[in-house]
Amino acid sequence: MKKPFTVLMISSLLLGISAAASAAPGDWEREHHPRPAPHAAPSKWSHDHRSYKRDRPVDIRKGDRLPPEFRHHRYHVDNWRAHRLHTPPRGYHWVKAGGHYMLVSDHNNRVYSVR
């Protein structure tokens, strides 16, 4: 009579161990590799960190001088056709800053058009 009880005890023990083992990896994964909240802001060092200043709001109007922080070549728009902008006249270039495109003079950094 003791044999069926022992077999039952061992099988239930093994079943409990296998259930605990199968649940453990998920718990460990959640504890050690948490996923960011869906509403969290992008990381400072994400792949999109270069566009941070280009897309932040700036108050630049026609006739203003382009601030020195936006005079770097990384703000120049080289593929102006892809952005549906007209060809810049000689001595001008397009700049993207604050979510706007600005036509800027090469000579004095004066803004002549804002789109």
C-alpha atoms as a PDB file:
ATOM      1  CA  MET A   1       0.000   0.000   0.000  1.00  0.00           C
ATOM      2  CA  LYS A   2       2.848   2.320   0.595  1.00  0.00           C
ATOM      3  CA  LYS A   3       4.028   2.029  -2.998  1.00  0.00           C
ATOM      4  CA  PRO A   4       1.112   3.905  -4.680  1.00  0.00           C
ATOM      5  CA  PHE A   5       1.308   6.643  -2.053  1.00  0.00           C
ATOM      6  CA  THR A   6       5.056   7.066  -2.681  1.00  0.00           C
ATOM      7  CA  VAL A   7       4.562   7.171  -6.443  1.00  0.00           C
ATOM      8  CA  LEU A   8       1.776   9.707  -6.041  1.00  0.00           C
ATOM      9  CA  MET A   9       3.889  11.831  -3.720  1.00  0.00           C
ATOM     10  CA  ILE A  10       6.914  11.776  -6.038  1.00  0.00           C
ATOM     11  CA  SER A  11       4.869  12.561  -9.135  1.00  0.00           C
ATOM     12  CA  SER A  12       3.111  15.494  -7.437  1.00  0.00           C
ATOM     13  CA  LEU A  13       6.454  16.767  -6.187  1.00  0.00           C
ATOM     14  CA  LEU A  14       7.941  16.582  -9.700  1.00  0.00           C
ATOM     15  CA  LEU A  15       4.886  18.299 -11.136  1.00  0.00           C
ATOM     16  CA  GLY A  16       5.274  21.149  -8.634  1.00  0.00           C
ATOM     17  CA  ILE A  17       8.982  21.547  -9.427  1.00  0.00           C
ATOM     18  CA  SER A  18       8.341  21.649 -13.187  1.00  0.00           C
ATOM     19  CA  ALA A  19       5.570  24.244 -12.744  1.00  0.00           C
ATOM     20  CA  ALA A  20       7.851  26.441 -10.633  1.00  0.00           C
ATOM     21  CA  ALA A  21      10.695  26.063 -13.125  1.00  0.00           C
ATOM     22  CA  SER A  22       8.523  27.058 -16.054  1.00  0.00           C
ATOM     23  CA  ALA A  23       7.269  30.231 -14.305  1.00  0.00           C
ATOM     24  CA  ALA A  24      10.667  31.365 -13.064  1.00  0.00           C
ATOM     25  CA  PRO A  25      12.233  32.538 -16.367  1.00  0.00           C
ATOM     26  CA  GLY A  26       9.397  34.976 -17.060  1.00  0.00           C
ATOM     27  CA  ASP A  27       9.615  36.444 -13.579  1.00  0.00           C
ATOM     28  CA  TRP A  28      13.370  36.769 -13.808  1.00  0.00           C
ATOM     29  CA  GLU A  29      13.050  38.418 -17.230  1.00  0.00           C
ATOM     30  CA  ARG A  30      10.583  41.010 -15.920  1.00  0.00           C
ATOM     31  CA  GLU A  31      12.744  41.785 -12.897  1.00  0.00           C
ATOM     32  CA  HIS A  32      16.062  42.118 -14.710  1.00  0.00           C
ATOM     33  CA  HIS A  33      14.973  43.478 -18.095  1.00  0.00           C
ATOM     34  CA  PRO A  34      11.978  45.718 -17.494  1.00  0.00           C
ATOM     35  CA  ARG A  35      10.327  47.195 -20.549  1.00  0.00           C
ATOM     36  CA  PRO A  36       9.921  50.977 -20.642  1.00  0.00           C
ATOM     37  CA  ALA A  37       6.450  52.378 -20.230  1.00  0.00           C
ATOM     38  CA  PRO A  38       4.760  53.074 -23.586  1.00  0.00           C
ATOM     39  CA  HIS A  39       4.412  56.774 -22.729  1.00  0.00           C
ATOM     40  CA  ALA A  40       8.060  57.205 -21.729  1.00  0.00           C
ATOM     41  CA  ALA A  41      10.078  59.854 -23.548  1.00  0.00           C
ATOM     42  CA  PRO A  42      12.769  58.617 -25.927  1.00  0.00           C
ATOM     43  CA  SER A  43      16.177  58.165 -24.458  1.00  0.00           C
ATOM     44  CA  LYS A  44      18.704  60.980 -24.773  1.00  0.00           C
ATOM     45  CA  TRP A  45      21.023  58.604 -26.598  1.00  0.00           C
ATOM     46  CA  SER A  46      18.469  56.884 -28.820  1.00  0.00           C
ATOM     47  CA  HIS A  47      18.986  56.685 -32.588  1.00  0.00           C
ATOM     48  CA  ASP A  48      16.947  59.875 -32.904  1.00  0.00           C
ATOM     49  CA  HIS A  49      19.093  62.070 -30.635  1.00  0.00           C
ATOM     50  CA  ARG A  50      20.331  64.245 -33.510  1.00  0.00           C
ATOM     51  CA  SER A  51      16.883  65.545 -34.381  1.00  0.00           C
ATOM     52  CA  TYR A  52      16.184  66.793 -30.850  1.00  0.00           C
ATOM     53  CA  LYS A  53      17.067  70.440 -31.514  1.00  0.00           C
ATOM     54  CA  ARG A  54      15.699  70.358 -35.042  1.00  0.00           C
ATOM     55  CA  ASP A  55      12.220  69.461 -33.810  1.00  0.00           C
ATOM     56  CA  ARG A  56      11.982  71.462 -30.600  1.00  0.00           C
ATOM     57  CA  PRO A  57       9.944  74.675 -30.799  1.00  0.00           C
ATOM     58  CA  VAL A  58      11.909  77.795 -31.691  1.00  0.00           C
ATOM     59  CA  ASP A  59      10.610  81.286 -32.344  1.00  0.00           C
ATOM     60  CA  ILE A  60      12.445  82.413 -35.465  1.00  0.00           C
ATOM     61  CA  ARG A  61      10.670  84.710 -37.896  1.00  0.00           C
ATOM     62  CA  LYS A  62      11.340  86.181 -41.302  1.00  0.00           C
ATOM     63  CA  GLY A  63      14.016  88.873 -41.016  1.00  0.00           C
ATOM     64  CA  ASP A  64      15.649  87.391 -37.884  1.00  0.00           C
ATOM     65  CA  ARG A  65      19.197  86.166 -37.877  1.00  0.00           C
ATOM     66  CA  LEU A  66      19.574  82.413 -37.529  1.00  0.00           C
ATOM     67  CA  PRO A  67      20.874  81.635 -34.007  1.00  0.00           C
ATOM     68  CA  PRO A  68      24.448  80.290 -33.942  1.00  0.00           C
ATOM     69  CA  GLU A  69      23.287  76.921 -32.592  1.00  0.00           C
ATOM     70  CA  PHE A  70      21.444  76.221 -35.884  1.00  0.00           C
ATOM     71  CA  ARG A  71      24.241  77.326 -38.227  1.00  0.00           C
ATOM     72  CA  HIS A  72      25.951  73.936 -38.169  1.00  0.00           C
ATOM     73  CA  HIS A  73      25.788  71.853 -41.338  1.00  0.00           C
ATOM     74  CA  ARG A  74      23.702  69.159 -39.623  1.00  0.00           C
ATOM     75  CA  TYR A  75      20.704  71.537 -39.762  1.00  0.00           C
ATOM     76  CA  HIS A  76      21.084  72.184 -43.505  1.00  0.00           C
ATOM     77  CA  VAL A  77      18.485  70.513 -45.688  1.00  0.00           C
ATOM     78  CA  ASP A  78      20.361  69.037 -48.641  1.00  0.00           C
ATOM     79  CA  ASN A  79      17.435  67.042 -50.050  1.00  0.00           C
ATOM     80  CA  TRP A  80      15.053  69.986 -50.319  1.00  0.00           C
ATOM     81  CA  ARG A  81      13.068  68.333 -53.128  1.00  0.00           C
ATOM     82  CA  ALA A  82      12.105  65.454 -50.830  1.00  0.00           C
ATOM     83  CA  HIS A  83      10.679  68.040 -48.412  1.00  0.00           C
ATOM     84  CA  ARG A  84       8.757  69.797 -51.218  1.00  0.00           C
ATOM     85  CA  LEU A  85      10.825  72.952 -50.988  1.00  0.00           C
ATOM     86  CA  HIS A  86      11.792  75.087 -53.972  1.00  0.00           C
ATOM     87  CA  THR A  87      15.360  75.359 -55.201  1.00  0.00           C
ATOM     88  CA  PRO A  88      17.262  77.788 -52.983  1.00  0.00           C
ATOM     89  CA  PRO A  89      18.643  80.754 -54.937  1.00  0.00           C
ATOM     90  CA  ARG A  90      22.418  81.134 -55.234  1.00  0.00           C
ATOM     91  CA  GLY A  91      23.795  82.241 -51.864  1.00  0.00           C
ATOM     92  CA  TYR A  92      20.932  80.710 -49.829  1.00  0.00           C
ATOM     93  CA  HIS A  93      20.252  77.346 -48.225  1.00  0.00           C
ATOM     94  CA  TRP A  94      17.408  75.607 -46.403  1.00  0.00           C
ATOM     95  CA  VAL A  95      17.644  74.920 -42.660  1.00  0.00           C
ATOM     96  CA  LYS A  96      15.310  72.798 -40.536  1.00  0.00           C
ATOM     97  CA  ALA A  97      14.886  73.999 -36.962  1.00  0.00           C
ATOM     98  CA  GLY A  98      11.945  73.850 -34.602  1.00  0.00           C
ATOM     99  CA  GLY A  99       9.905  71.776 -37.034  1.00  0.00           C
ATOM    100  CA  HIS A 100      10.071  74.580 -39.639  1.00  0.00           C
ATOM    101  CA  TYR A 101      12.067  75.004 -42.812  1.00  0.00           C
ATOM    102  CA  MET A 102      13.829  78.340 -43.219  1.00  0.00           C
ATOM    103  CA  LEU A 103      15.494  79.841 -46.258  1.00  0.00           C
ATOM    104  CA  VAL A 104      18.679  81.435 -44.928  1.00  0.00           C
ATOM    105  CA  SER A 105      21.310  83.652 -46.516  1.00  0.00           C
ATOM    106  CA  ASP A 106      24.841  82.213 -46.646  1.00  0.00           C
ATOM    107  CA  HIS A 107      26.305  85.696 -46.275  1.00  0.00           C
ATOM    108  CA  ASN A 108      24.600  87.123 -43.159  1.00  0.00           C
ATOM    109  CA  ASN A 109      22.498  84.205 -41.816  1.00  0.00           C
ATOM    110  CA  ARG A 110      19.316  86.251 -42.232  1.00  0.00           C
ATOM    111  CA  VAL A 111      16.048  84.269 -42.497  1.00  0.00           C
ATOM    112  CA  TYR A 112      14.161  85.163 -45.694  1.00  0.00           C
ATOM    113  CA  SER A 113      11.396  82.589 -45.612  1.00  0.00           C
ATOM    114  CA  VAL A 114       9.808  80.313 -43.000  1.00  0.00           C
ATOM    115  CA  ARG A 115       7.656  77.317 -43.951  1.00  0.00           C
END
